[in-house]
Amino acid sequence: MVPTSLTMKIRNDTFLQFDSEPRDHRLIIFSSPEQLKILKETEEILIDGTFKVTPVIFTQLYTIPGVYQNCVFPLVFALLSDKQQ
């Protein structure tokens, strides 16, 4: 279970968008409402996955930055508990 303090941003916006709950293939997705709005309007998205900077109980971190008004913004963060390359 993700603590409530980690599911909200400073402005009380929902930051935790999805949590598959504890199981073998856990997936947690973080993004603010503002980031999701930009994602819908973005000109292109990029996807990057890494195995080196995740909390102990996870093995992968995926980030989805998007190009919006000629700038790249981090938009979605996903933590995965299983390793697939």
N, C-alpha and C. Protein backbone atom coordinates (compact mmCIF):
# COMPACT_ATOMS: atom_id res chain seq x y z
N MET A 1 0.84 -1.17 0.00
CA MET A 1 0.00 0.00 0.00
C MET A 1 0.89 1.24 0.00
N VAL A 2 0.60 2.17 -0.88
CA VAL A 2 1.35 3.42 -0.94
C VAL A 2 0.79 4.37 0.13
N PRO A 3 1.65 4.93 0.99
CA PRO A 3 1.16 5.87 2.00
C PRO A 3 0.45 7.06 1.36
N THR A 4 -0.61 7.53 1.98
CA THR A 4 -1.39 8.64 1.44
C THR A 4 -0.52 9.86 1.19
N SER A 5 0.47 10.09 2.02
CA SER A 5 1.33 11.27 1.86
C SER A 5 2.10 11.23 0.54
N LEU A 6 2.26 10.06 -0.05
CA LEU A 6 2.98 9.95 -1.32
C LEU A 6 2.04 9.94 -2.53
N THR A 7 0.75 10.01 -2.31
CA THR A 7 -0.19 9.96 -3.42
C THR A 7 -0.65 11.34 -3.87
N MET A 8 -0.29 12.37 -3.12
CA MET A 8 -0.74 13.73 -3.43
C MET A 8 0.45 14.65 -3.64
N LYS A 9 0.24 15.70 -4.43
CA LYS A 9 1.25 16.73 -4.60
C LYS A 9 1.01 17.84 -3.59
N ILE A 10 1.88 18.82 -3.58
CA ILE A 10 1.79 19.93 -2.63
C ILE A 10 0.45 20.64 -2.72
N ARG A 11 -0.09 20.80 -3.91
CA ARG A 11 -1.37 21.51 -4.08
C ARG A 11 -2.57 20.59 -3.90
N ASN A 12 -2.38 19.45 -3.27
CA ASN A 12 -3.44 18.46 -3.04
C ASN A 12 -3.99 17.87 -4.33
N ASP A 13 -3.21 17.91 -5.40
CA ASP A 13 -3.58 17.22 -6.64
C ASP A 13 -3.24 15.74 -6.49
N THR A 14 -4.03 14.90 -7.11
CA THR A 14 -3.73 13.47 -7.11
C THR A 14 -2.48 13.23 -7.94
N PHE A 15 -1.50 12.56 -7.36
CA PHE A 15 -0.27 12.23 -8.08
C PHE A 15 -0.21 10.74 -8.40
N LEU A 16 -0.72 9.91 -7.51
CA LEU A 16 -0.79 8.47 -7.75
C LEU A 16 -1.98 8.20 -8.66
N GLN A 17 -1.72 7.75 -9.88
CA GLN A 17 -2.79 7.50 -10.85
C GLN A 17 -3.24 6.04 -10.87
N PHE A 18 -2.32 5.12 -10.53
CA PHE A 18 -2.67 3.70 -10.58
C PHE A 18 -1.74 2.92 -9.67
N ASP A 19 -2.28 1.95 -8.96
CA ASP A 19 -1.50 1.02 -8.16
C ASP A 19 -2.17 -0.34 -8.26
N SER A 20 -1.46 -1.29 -8.83
CA SER A 20 -2.03 -2.63 -9.01
C SER A 20 -2.07 -3.40 -7.69
N GLU A 21 -1.59 -2.77 -6.61
CA GLU A 21 -1.55 -3.37 -5.28
C GLU A 21 -0.51 -4.49 -5.25
N PRO A 22 -0.11 -4.90 -4.06
CA PRO A 22 0.93 -5.93 -3.95
C PRO A 22 0.55 -7.22 -4.66
N ARG A 23 1.38 -7.61 -5.56
CA ARG A 23 1.27 -8.89 -6.26
C ARG A 23 2.59 -9.12 -6.98
N ASP A 24 2.71 -10.22 -7.71
CA ASP A 24 3.98 -10.56 -8.35
C ASP A 24 4.44 -9.52 -9.36
N HIS A 25 3.52 -8.92 -10.08
CA HIS A 25 3.87 -7.97 -11.14
C HIS A 25 3.26 -6.61 -10.81
N ARG A 26 3.77 -5.98 -9.78
CA ARG A 26 3.19 -4.70 -9.32
C ARG A 26 3.56 -3.56 -10.26
N LEU A 27 2.61 -2.67 -10.45
CA LEU A 27 2.79 -1.49 -11.29
C LEU A 27 2.19 -0.29 -10.56
N ILE A 28 3.00 0.76 -10.41
CA ILE A 28 2.53 2.00 -9.82
C ILE A 28 2.83 3.13 -10.80
N ILE A 29 1.82 3.95 -11.10
CA ILE A 29 1.98 5.05 -12.06
C ILE A 29 1.69 6.37 -11.35
N PHE A 30 2.63 7.31 -11.52
CA PHE A 30 2.51 8.65 -10.94
C PHE A 30 2.45 9.69 -12.05
N SER A 31 1.54 10.64 -11.92
CA SER A 31 1.44 11.78 -12.84
C SER A 31 0.41 12.74 -12.27
N SER A 32 0.67 14.01 -12.38
CA SER A 32 -0.30 14.99 -11.88
C SER A 32 -1.36 15.27 -12.94
N PRO A 33 -2.49 15.84 -12.54
CA PRO A 33 -3.50 16.22 -13.54
C PRO A 33 -2.93 17.17 -14.60
N GLU A 34 -2.07 18.08 -14.18
CA GLU A 34 -1.45 19.01 -15.14
C GLU A 34 -0.55 18.26 -16.12
N GLN A 35 0.23 17.30 -15.62
CA GLN A 35 1.09 16.50 -16.50
C GLN A 35 0.26 15.68 -17.48
N LEU A 36 -0.86 15.12 -17.04
CA LEU A 36 -1.72 14.35 -17.93
C LEU A 36 -2.34 15.23 -19.01
N LYS A 37 -2.68 16.46 -18.64
CA LYS A 37 -3.23 17.40 -19.62
C LYS A 37 -2.18 17.70 -20.70
N ILE A 38 -0.95 17.93 -20.28
CA ILE A 38 0.13 18.18 -21.24
C ILE A 38 0.36 16.94 -22.10
N LEU A 39 0.28 15.75 -21.50
CA LEU A 39 0.46 14.51 -22.26
C LEU A 39 -0.55 14.41 -23.40
N LYS A 40 -1.79 14.80 -23.14
CA LYS A 40 -2.82 14.76 -24.18
C LYS A 40 -2.53 15.73 -25.32
N GLU A 41 -1.84 16.82 -25.01
CA GLU A 41 -1.58 17.87 -25.99
C GLU A 41 -0.17 17.82 -26.57
N THR A 42 0.64 16.87 -26.12
CA THR A 42 2.04 16.83 -26.54
C THR A 42 2.19 16.50 -28.02
N GLU A 43 3.25 17.00 -28.59
CA GLU A 43 3.54 16.78 -30.00
C GLU A 43 4.18 15.41 -30.24
N GLU A 44 4.97 14.95 -29.29
CA GLU A 44 5.55 13.61 -29.36
C GLU A 44 5.95 13.19 -27.96
N ILE A 45 6.00 11.87 -27.75
CA ILE A 45 6.42 11.35 -26.44
C ILE A 45 7.68 10.53 -26.61
N LEU A 46 8.41 10.43 -25.55
CA LEU A 46 9.62 9.62 -25.48
C LEU A 46 9.40 8.64 -24.34
N ILE A 47 10.06 7.51 -24.37
CA ILE A 47 9.94 6.55 -23.27
C ILE A 47 11.33 6.09 -22.89
N ASP A 48 11.61 6.09 -21.60
CA ASP A 48 12.92 5.67 -21.12
C ASP A 48 12.72 4.75 -19.93
N GLY A 49 13.44 3.66 -19.92
CA GLY A 49 13.38 2.72 -18.81
C GLY A 49 14.76 2.52 -18.23
N THR A 50 14.84 2.40 -16.92
CA THR A 50 16.12 2.15 -16.27
C THR A 50 15.93 1.14 -15.14
N PHE A 51 17.01 0.46 -14.82
CA PHE A 51 16.99 -0.52 -13.74
C PHE A 51 17.83 -0.06 -12.55
N LYS A 52 18.54 1.07 -12.68
CA LYS A 52 19.56 1.43 -11.70
C LYS A 52 19.11 2.37 -10.59
N VAL A 53 17.98 3.02 -10.71
CA VAL A 53 17.60 4.04 -9.72
C VAL A 53 16.25 3.76 -9.06
N THR A 54 15.88 2.51 -8.96
CA THR A 54 14.57 2.18 -8.39
C THR A 54 14.66 1.87 -6.90
N PRO A 55 13.57 2.08 -6.16
CA PRO A 55 13.53 1.64 -4.76
C PRO A 55 13.70 0.11 -4.70
N VAL A 56 14.11 -0.38 -3.57
CA VAL A 56 14.46 -1.80 -3.41
C VAL A 56 13.36 -2.76 -3.86
N ILE A 57 12.11 -2.47 -3.62
CA ILE A 57 11.03 -3.41 -3.95
C ILE A 57 10.63 -3.38 -5.42
N PHE A 58 11.26 -2.51 -6.21
CA PHE A 58 10.97 -2.43 -7.64
C PHE A 58 12.23 -2.71 -8.44
N THR A 59 12.06 -3.10 -9.70
CA THR A 59 13.23 -3.36 -10.54
C THR A 59 13.33 -2.43 -11.73
N GLN A 60 12.25 -1.79 -12.13
CA GLN A 60 12.28 -0.90 -13.29
C GLN A 60 11.59 0.42 -12.98
N LEU A 61 12.14 1.48 -13.54
CA LEU A 61 11.48 2.78 -13.54
C LEU A 61 11.35 3.21 -14.99
N TYR A 62 10.13 3.44 -15.42
CA TYR A 62 9.88 4.00 -16.75
C TYR A 62 9.46 5.45 -16.58
N THR A 63 10.02 6.31 -17.42
CA THR A 63 9.59 7.70 -17.45
C THR A 63 9.08 8.00 -18.85
N ILE A 64 8.06 8.82 -18.92
CA ILE A 64 7.51 9.24 -20.20
C ILE A 64 7.56 10.77 -20.25
N PRO A 65 8.61 11.30 -20.88
CA PRO A 65 8.63 12.74 -21.12
C PRO A 65 7.93 13.03 -22.44
N GLY A 66 7.46 14.25 -22.59
CA GLY A 66 6.79 14.64 -23.82
C GLY A 66 7.28 16.00 -24.30
N VAL A 67 7.24 16.20 -25.61
CA VAL A 67 7.62 17.48 -26.20
C VAL A 67 6.36 18.33 -26.30
N TYR A 68 6.39 19.47 -25.63
CA TYR A 68 5.24 20.37 -25.59
C TYR A 68 5.76 21.80 -25.75
N GLN A 69 5.31 22.48 -26.76
CA GLN A 69 5.75 23.84 -27.07
C GLN A 69 7.27 23.93 -27.14
N ASN A 70 7.86 22.97 -27.85
CA ASN A 70 9.30 22.90 -28.11
C ASN A 70 10.15 22.68 -26.86
N CYS A 71 9.56 22.20 -25.78
CA CYS A 71 10.29 21.87 -24.56
C CYS A 71 9.93 20.45 -24.15
N VAL A 72 10.87 19.78 -23.50
CA VAL A 72 10.62 18.42 -23.02
C VAL A 72 10.27 18.48 -21.54
N PHE A 73 9.13 17.86 -21.18
CA PHE A 73 8.65 17.83 -19.80
C PHE A 73 8.50 16.39 -19.33
N PRO A 74 8.90 16.07 -18.09
CA PRO A 74 8.61 14.75 -17.54
C PRO A 74 7.11 14.67 -17.23
N LEU A 75 6.44 13.65 -17.75
CA LEU A 75 4.98 13.61 -17.63
C LEU A 75 4.44 12.42 -16.84
N VAL A 76 5.05 11.26 -16.99
CA VAL A 76 4.56 10.06 -16.31
C VAL A 76 5.75 9.28 -15.77
N PHE A 77 5.57 8.71 -14.57
CA PHE A 77 6.59 7.88 -13.94
C PHE A 77 5.93 6.56 -13.55
N ALA A 78 6.53 5.45 -13.91
CA ALA A 78 5.96 4.14 -13.60
C ALA A 78 7.02 3.26 -12.95
N LEU A 79 6.67 2.66 -11.83
CA LEU A 79 7.54 1.71 -11.15
C LEU A 79 6.99 0.30 -11.37
N LEU A 80 7.87 -0.62 -11.77
CA LEU A 80 7.48 -2.00 -12.04
C LEU A 80 8.30 -2.94 -11.18
N SER A 81 7.66 -3.99 -10.69
CA SER A 81 8.35 -4.92 -9.79
C SER A 81 9.01 -6.09 -10.50
N ASP A 82 8.74 -6.29 -11.77
CA ASP A 82 9.39 -7.39 -12.48
C ASP A 82 10.34 -6.84 -13.53
N LYS A 83 11.35 -7.63 -13.86
CA LYS A 83 12.40 -7.17 -14.78
C LYS A 83 12.18 -7.77 -16.16
N GLN A 84 11.97 -6.89 -17.13
CA GLN A 84 11.84 -7.31 -18.52
C GLN A 84 12.59 -6.30 -19.38
N GLN A 85 13.52 -6.78 -20.19
CA GLN A 85 14.28 -5.87 -21.05
C GLN A 85 13.79 -5.96 -22.47
